[in-house]
Amino acid sequence: MFYLYQQYVTKRQPITDLTVYRQLKEIIPSIEEEFFCSRMTEEEKKDVLYTCPRSSCMNYSPPPLNDSASAGIKKMDFMLYRIQSAIAQATRPIDYYVYRRIQADNGALKKTKT
C-alpha cells in the first residue's frame, strides 16, 4: 500500500549550516550576533531601511489568487506575503552592504591593474 502513495512523497534537500570561518568574521564581525533580534527602535530601523536603495531585481508580484479561494486561504496568502515583505526589508541592508563591498573591491582591482 505504501508504494501506491510513494509517488506523492518527495525528498527534501538536507539542511546546510554555514560554519563561519576566520576571514568572514574579520569582514563581518557582527555575523555571530543574533541577526533578527536587533535592539533598535522602530525609528532607527526605518532610518537604516530608507538609507539602502531597493534592488530592482528583487521585485515580487505574487500571482493573483483564484476568486473562488476561501477566506481562510486568502488570509493565509496575505500573511505569507507580509512575511516575504518583512524578510525582504530586513535583509535589504545586507544586500546593499555586499553590493558596496563588491564595488569597493572592483575599484581596488582596477587601481592595481593600471
N, C-alpha and C. Protein backbone atom coordinates (compact mmCIF):
# COMPACT_ATOMS: atom_id res chain seq x y z
N MET A 1 0.81 -1.19 0.00
CA MET A 1 0.00 0.00 0.00
C MET A 1 0.87 1.26 0.00
N PHE A 2 2.01 1.23 0.70
CA PHE A 2 2.90 2.39 0.75
C PHE A 2 3.36 2.77 -0.64
N TYR A 3 3.61 1.80 -1.49
CA TYR A 3 4.12 2.06 -2.83
C TYR A 3 3.13 2.85 -3.68
N LEU A 4 1.85 2.73 -3.39
CA LEU A 4 0.84 3.48 -4.12
C LEU A 4 0.98 4.98 -3.87
N TYR A 5 1.38 5.35 -2.66
CA TYR A 5 1.48 6.76 -2.30
C TYR A 5 2.90 7.30 -2.41
N GLN A 6 3.85 6.45 -2.72
CA GLN A 6 5.24 6.87 -2.77
C GLN A 6 5.47 7.94 -3.85
N GLN A 7 4.68 7.91 -4.90
CA GLN A 7 4.84 8.91 -5.95
C GLN A 7 4.50 10.32 -5.47
N TYR A 8 3.78 10.44 -4.37
CA TYR A 8 3.41 11.74 -3.83
C TYR A 8 4.37 12.24 -2.76
N VAL A 9 5.39 11.47 -2.48
CA VAL A 9 6.38 11.84 -1.47
C VAL A 9 7.63 12.30 -2.19
N THR A 10 8.10 13.48 -1.84
CA THR A 10 9.32 14.00 -2.44
C THR A 10 10.38 14.16 -1.37
N LYS A 11 11.62 13.96 -1.76
CA LYS A 11 12.73 14.13 -0.82
C LYS A 11 13.12 15.59 -0.78
N ARG A 12 13.50 16.05 0.38
CA ARG A 12 13.98 17.41 0.55
C ARG A 12 15.50 17.40 0.62
N GLN A 13 16.06 18.55 0.26
CA GLN A 13 17.50 18.70 0.39
C GLN A 13 17.85 18.73 1.88
N PRO A 14 18.98 18.17 2.25
CA PRO A 14 19.36 18.23 3.67
C PRO A 14 19.66 19.67 4.08
N ILE A 15 19.48 19.95 5.34
CA ILE A 15 19.77 21.28 5.87
C ILE A 15 21.28 21.49 5.85
N THR A 16 21.68 22.68 5.45
CA THR A 16 23.09 23.00 5.36
C THR A 16 23.39 24.15 6.31
N ASP A 17 24.42 24.01 7.10
CA ASP A 17 24.83 25.07 8.02
C ASP A 17 26.13 25.68 7.52
N LEU A 18 26.24 26.97 7.68
CA LEU A 18 27.46 27.67 7.33
C LEU A 18 28.33 27.74 8.57
N THR A 19 29.52 27.21 8.48
CA THR A 19 30.49 27.35 9.56
C THR A 19 31.26 28.63 9.29
N VAL A 20 31.18 29.55 10.20
CA VAL A 20 31.80 30.86 10.00
C VAL A 20 33.30 30.71 10.14
N TYR A 21 34.00 31.06 9.08
CA TYR A 21 35.45 30.95 9.09
C TYR A 21 36.08 32.29 9.45
N ARG A 22 37.35 32.27 9.79
CA ARG A 22 38.05 33.42 10.34
C ARG A 22 37.96 34.66 9.44
N GLN A 23 38.19 34.50 8.14
CA GLN A 23 38.16 35.65 7.23
C GLN A 23 36.78 36.30 7.17
N LEU A 24 35.74 35.47 7.23
CA LEU A 24 34.38 36.01 7.21
C LEU A 24 34.09 36.79 8.49
N LYS A 25 34.59 36.30 9.63
CA LYS A 25 34.43 37.03 10.89
C LYS A 25 35.14 38.37 10.85
N GLU A 26 36.30 38.41 10.17
CA GLU A 26 37.05 39.66 10.08
C GLU A 26 36.32 40.68 9.22
N ILE A 27 35.70 40.22 8.14
CA ILE A 27 34.98 41.13 7.25
C ILE A 27 33.67 41.59 7.87
N ILE A 28 32.93 40.65 8.48
CA ILE A 28 31.63 40.96 9.07
C ILE A 28 31.66 40.53 10.53
N PRO A 29 32.20 41.36 11.43
CA PRO A 29 32.33 40.96 12.84
C PRO A 29 30.99 40.66 13.52
N SER A 30 29.93 41.28 13.05
CA SER A 30 28.62 41.08 13.70
C SER A 30 27.92 39.81 13.25
N ILE A 31 28.58 38.98 12.47
CA ILE A 31 27.92 37.78 11.93
C ILE A 31 27.51 36.80 13.02
N GLU A 32 28.20 36.83 14.15
CA GLU A 32 27.88 35.89 15.22
C GLU A 32 26.76 36.39 16.12
N GLU A 33 26.33 37.62 15.93
CA GLU A 33 25.23 38.16 16.73
C GLU A 33 23.91 37.63 16.21
N GLU A 34 22.90 37.68 17.05
CA GLU A 34 21.55 37.27 16.64
C GLU A 34 21.01 38.33 15.69
N PHE A 35 20.91 37.99 14.41
CA PHE A 35 20.61 38.98 13.38
C PHE A 35 19.22 39.59 13.51
N PHE A 36 18.19 38.78 13.65
CA PHE A 36 16.83 39.28 13.62
C PHE A 36 16.34 39.80 14.97
N CYS A 37 17.17 39.74 15.99
CA CYS A 37 16.76 40.24 17.31
C CYS A 37 17.50 41.53 17.62
N SER A 38 17.38 42.50 16.75
CA SER A 38 18.09 43.76 16.97
C SER A 38 17.39 44.56 18.05
N ARG A 39 18.16 45.39 18.72
CA ARG A 39 17.63 46.19 19.79
C ARG A 39 17.37 47.63 19.33
N MET A 40 17.22 47.81 18.04
CA MET A 40 16.98 49.14 17.51
C MET A 40 15.52 49.53 17.69
N THR A 41 15.31 50.82 17.84
CA THR A 41 13.94 51.31 17.91
C THR A 41 13.34 51.28 16.51
N GLU A 42 12.03 51.45 16.43
CA GLU A 42 11.36 51.46 15.13
C GLU A 42 11.90 52.60 14.26
N GLU A 43 12.17 53.73 14.87
CA GLU A 43 12.69 54.88 14.13
C GLU A 43 14.08 54.57 13.55
N GLU A 44 14.94 53.93 14.34
CA GLU A 44 16.27 53.55 13.86
C GLU A 44 16.18 52.53 12.73
N LYS A 45 15.26 51.59 12.86
CA LYS A 45 15.07 50.60 11.80
C LYS A 45 14.65 51.26 10.49
N LYS A 46 13.73 52.23 10.59
CA LYS A 46 13.28 52.94 9.39
C LYS A 46 14.44 53.70 8.76
N ASP A 47 15.27 54.35 9.60
CA ASP A 47 16.42 55.08 9.07
C ASP A 47 17.35 54.16 8.30
N VAL A 48 17.62 52.99 8.86
CA VAL A 48 18.50 52.03 8.20
C VAL A 48 17.90 51.57 6.88
N LEU A 49 16.62 51.24 6.90
CA LEU A 49 15.97 50.75 5.68
C LEU A 49 15.94 51.79 4.58
N TYR A 50 15.62 53.02 4.94
CA TYR A 50 15.47 54.04 3.91
C TYR A 50 16.79 54.59 3.40
N THR A 51 17.90 54.28 4.06
CA THR A 51 19.21 54.68 3.53
C THR A 51 19.71 53.68 2.50
N CYS A 52 19.11 52.50 2.44
CA CYS A 52 19.52 51.48 1.49
C CYS A 52 18.53 51.46 0.32
N PRO A 53 19.01 51.65 -0.90
CA PRO A 53 18.08 51.64 -2.03
C PRO A 53 17.50 50.25 -2.28
N ARG A 54 16.33 50.23 -2.85
CA ARG A 54 15.70 48.95 -3.19
C ARG A 54 16.44 48.32 -4.36
N SER A 55 16.42 47.03 -4.41
CA SER A 55 17.01 46.30 -5.52
C SER A 55 15.92 46.06 -6.56
N SER A 56 16.15 46.51 -7.77
CA SER A 56 15.12 46.39 -8.80
C SER A 56 14.90 44.95 -9.23
N CYS A 57 15.88 44.09 -9.03
CA CYS A 57 15.71 42.70 -9.45
C CYS A 57 14.98 41.87 -8.40
N MET A 58 14.68 42.43 -7.25
CA MET A 58 14.02 41.69 -6.19
C MET A 58 12.53 41.96 -6.11
N ASN A 59 11.95 42.60 -7.10
CA ASN A 59 10.52 42.85 -7.06
C ASN A 59 9.77 41.53 -7.17
N TYR A 60 8.79 41.38 -6.35
CA TYR A 60 8.00 40.15 -6.35
C TYR A 60 6.53 40.51 -6.42
N SER A 61 5.88 40.04 -7.43
CA SER A 61 4.44 40.22 -7.56
C SER A 61 3.81 38.84 -7.56
N PRO A 62 3.16 38.49 -6.47
CA PRO A 62 2.57 37.16 -6.40
C PRO A 62 1.45 37.01 -7.43
N PRO A 63 1.25 35.82 -7.92
CA PRO A 63 0.16 35.62 -8.87
C PRO A 63 -1.17 35.88 -8.19
N PRO A 64 -2.15 36.35 -8.94
CA PRO A 64 -3.44 36.63 -8.31
C PRO A 64 -4.10 35.35 -7.82
N LEU A 65 -4.77 35.47 -6.70
CA LEU A 65 -5.48 34.32 -6.15
C LEU A 65 -6.74 34.06 -6.95
N ASN A 66 -7.11 32.82 -7.01
CA ASN A 66 -8.36 32.44 -7.64
C ASN A 66 -9.51 33.07 -6.86
N ASP A 67 -10.45 33.65 -7.57
CA ASP A 67 -11.58 34.30 -6.90
C ASP A 67 -12.39 33.34 -6.04
N SER A 68 -12.33 32.07 -6.38
CA SER A 68 -13.12 31.11 -5.62
C SER A 68 -12.40 30.60 -4.37
N ALA A 69 -11.20 31.13 -4.09
CA ALA A 69 -10.47 30.70 -2.89
C ALA A 69 -11.24 31.13 -1.64
N SER A 70 -11.17 30.28 -0.64
CA SER A 70 -11.91 30.57 0.60
C SER A 70 -11.26 31.73 1.35
N ALA A 71 -11.97 32.26 2.31
CA ALA A 71 -11.47 33.38 3.12
C ALA A 71 -10.22 32.96 3.89
N GLY A 72 -10.19 31.72 4.36
CA GLY A 72 -9.01 31.22 5.09
C GLY A 72 -7.78 31.19 4.20
N ILE A 73 -7.96 30.76 2.96
CA ILE A 73 -6.84 30.71 2.00
C ILE A 73 -6.35 32.13 1.71
N LYS A 74 -7.27 33.04 1.50
CA LYS A 74 -6.88 34.43 1.22
C LYS A 74 -6.15 35.05 2.41
N LYS A 75 -6.60 34.74 3.61
CA LYS A 75 -5.94 35.27 4.81
C LYS A 75 -4.53 34.70 4.93
N MET A 76 -4.37 33.40 4.68
CA MET A 76 -3.06 32.77 4.75
C MET A 76 -2.13 33.34 3.67
N ASP A 77 -2.66 33.57 2.48
CA ASP A 77 -1.88 34.14 1.40
C ASP A 77 -1.37 35.53 1.78
N PHE A 78 -2.24 36.33 2.38
CA PHE A 78 -1.85 37.67 2.80
C PHE A 78 -0.78 37.61 3.89
N MET A 79 -0.92 36.67 4.82
CA MET A 79 0.08 36.52 5.89
C MET A 79 1.43 36.13 5.31
N LEU A 80 1.44 35.20 4.36
CA LEU A 80 2.70 34.79 3.73
C LEU A 80 3.34 35.95 2.96
N TYR A 81 2.51 36.73 2.29
CA TYR A 81 3.02 37.89 1.56
C TYR A 81 3.67 38.88 2.53
N ARG A 82 3.05 39.11 3.67
CA ARG A 82 3.63 40.03 4.67
C ARG A 82 4.95 39.50 5.21
N ILE A 83 5.04 38.18 5.41
CA ILE A 83 6.30 37.58 5.88
C ILE A 83 7.39 37.79 4.83
N GLN A 84 7.07 37.53 3.56
CA GLN A 84 8.05 37.73 2.49
C GLN A 84 8.50 39.18 2.44
N SER A 85 7.58 40.09 2.57
CA SER A 85 7.93 41.52 2.54
C SER A 85 8.82 41.88 3.72
N ALA A 86 8.50 41.36 4.89
CA ALA A 86 9.30 41.67 6.08
C ALA A 86 10.72 41.13 5.94
N ILE A 87 10.86 39.93 5.40
CA ILE A 87 12.20 39.36 5.21
C ILE A 87 12.97 40.17 4.18
N ALA A 88 12.31 40.56 3.10
CA ALA A 88 12.98 41.38 2.08
C ALA A 88 13.45 42.70 2.67
N GLN A 89 12.62 43.33 3.50
CA GLN A 89 13.01 44.58 4.13
C GLN A 89 14.15 44.38 5.13
N ALA A 90 14.10 43.29 5.87
CA ALA A 90 15.12 43.04 6.89
C ALA A 90 16.48 42.74 6.28
N THR A 91 16.50 42.12 5.11
CA THR A 91 17.78 41.75 4.51
C THR A 91 18.28 42.78 3.50
N ARG A 92 17.52 43.83 3.25
CA ARG A 92 17.96 44.84 2.28
C ARG A 92 19.29 45.48 2.67
N PRO A 93 19.54 45.81 3.94
CA PRO A 93 20.85 46.36 4.29
C PRO A 93 22.00 45.39 4.00
N ILE A 94 21.75 44.11 4.13
CA ILE A 94 22.79 43.12 3.81
C ILE A 94 23.09 43.15 2.33
N ASP A 95 22.05 43.17 1.50
CA ASP A 95 22.24 43.23 0.05
C ASP A 95 23.04 44.47 -0.34
N TYR A 96 22.68 45.59 0.25
CA TYR A 96 23.35 46.85 -0.07
C TYR A 96 24.80 46.84 0.41
N TYR A 97 25.04 46.27 1.59
CA TYR A 97 26.40 46.18 2.12
C TYR A 97 27.27 45.33 1.20
N VAL A 98 26.76 44.18 0.78
CA VAL A 98 27.53 43.31 -0.12
C VAL A 98 27.78 44.01 -1.45
N TYR A 99 26.77 44.71 -1.96
CA TYR A 99 26.94 45.46 -3.20
C TYR A 99 28.07 46.48 -3.07
N ARG A 100 28.07 47.24 -1.96
CA ARG A 100 29.12 48.24 -1.76
C ARG A 100 30.49 47.59 -1.64
N ARG A 101 30.58 46.44 -0.97
CA ARG A 101 31.86 45.74 -0.84
C ARG A 101 32.38 45.30 -2.20
N ILE A 102 31.48 44.77 -3.03
CA ILE A 102 31.89 44.34 -4.37
C ILE A 102 32.37 45.53 -5.18
N GLN A 103 31.64 46.65 -5.10
CA GLN A 103 32.05 47.85 -5.83
C GLN A 103 33.41 48.34 -5.34
N ALA A 104 33.63 48.32 -4.04
CA ALA A 104 34.91 48.76 -3.48
C ALA A 104 36.03 47.83 -3.93
N ASP A 105 35.76 46.53 -3.92
CA ASP A 105 36.78 45.57 -4.36
C ASP A 105 37.08 45.73 -5.84
N ASN A 106 36.06 45.99 -6.66
CA ASN A 106 36.29 46.21 -8.09
C ASN A 106 37.11 47.46 -8.32
N GLY A 107 36.86 48.50 -7.54
CA GLY A 107 37.64 49.72 -7.65
C GLY A 107 39.10 49.48 -7.29
N ALA A 108 39.34 48.68 -6.27
CA ALA A 108 40.71 48.35 -5.86
C ALA A 108 41.40 47.52 -6.94
N LEU A 109 40.66 46.60 -7.57
CA LEU A 109 41.23 45.79 -8.64
C LEU A 109 41.61 46.65 -9.84
N LYS A 110 40.76 47.60 -10.20
CA LYS A 110 41.05 48.48 -11.34
C LYS A 110 42.29 49.31 -11.07
N LYS A 111 42.46 49.77 -9.83
CA LYS A 111 43.63 50.59 -9.49
C LYS A 111 44.91 49.77 -9.57
N THR A 112 44.86 48.49 -9.18
CA THR A 112 46.06 47.66 -9.21
C THR A 112 46.42 47.24 -10.62
N LYS A 113 45.44 47.17 -11.52
CA LYS A 113 45.71 46.77 -12.91
C LYS A 113 46.34 47.90 -13.70
N THR A 114 46.09 49.15 -13.34
CA THR A 114 46.64 50.27 -14.11
C THR A 114 48.00 50.67 -13.66
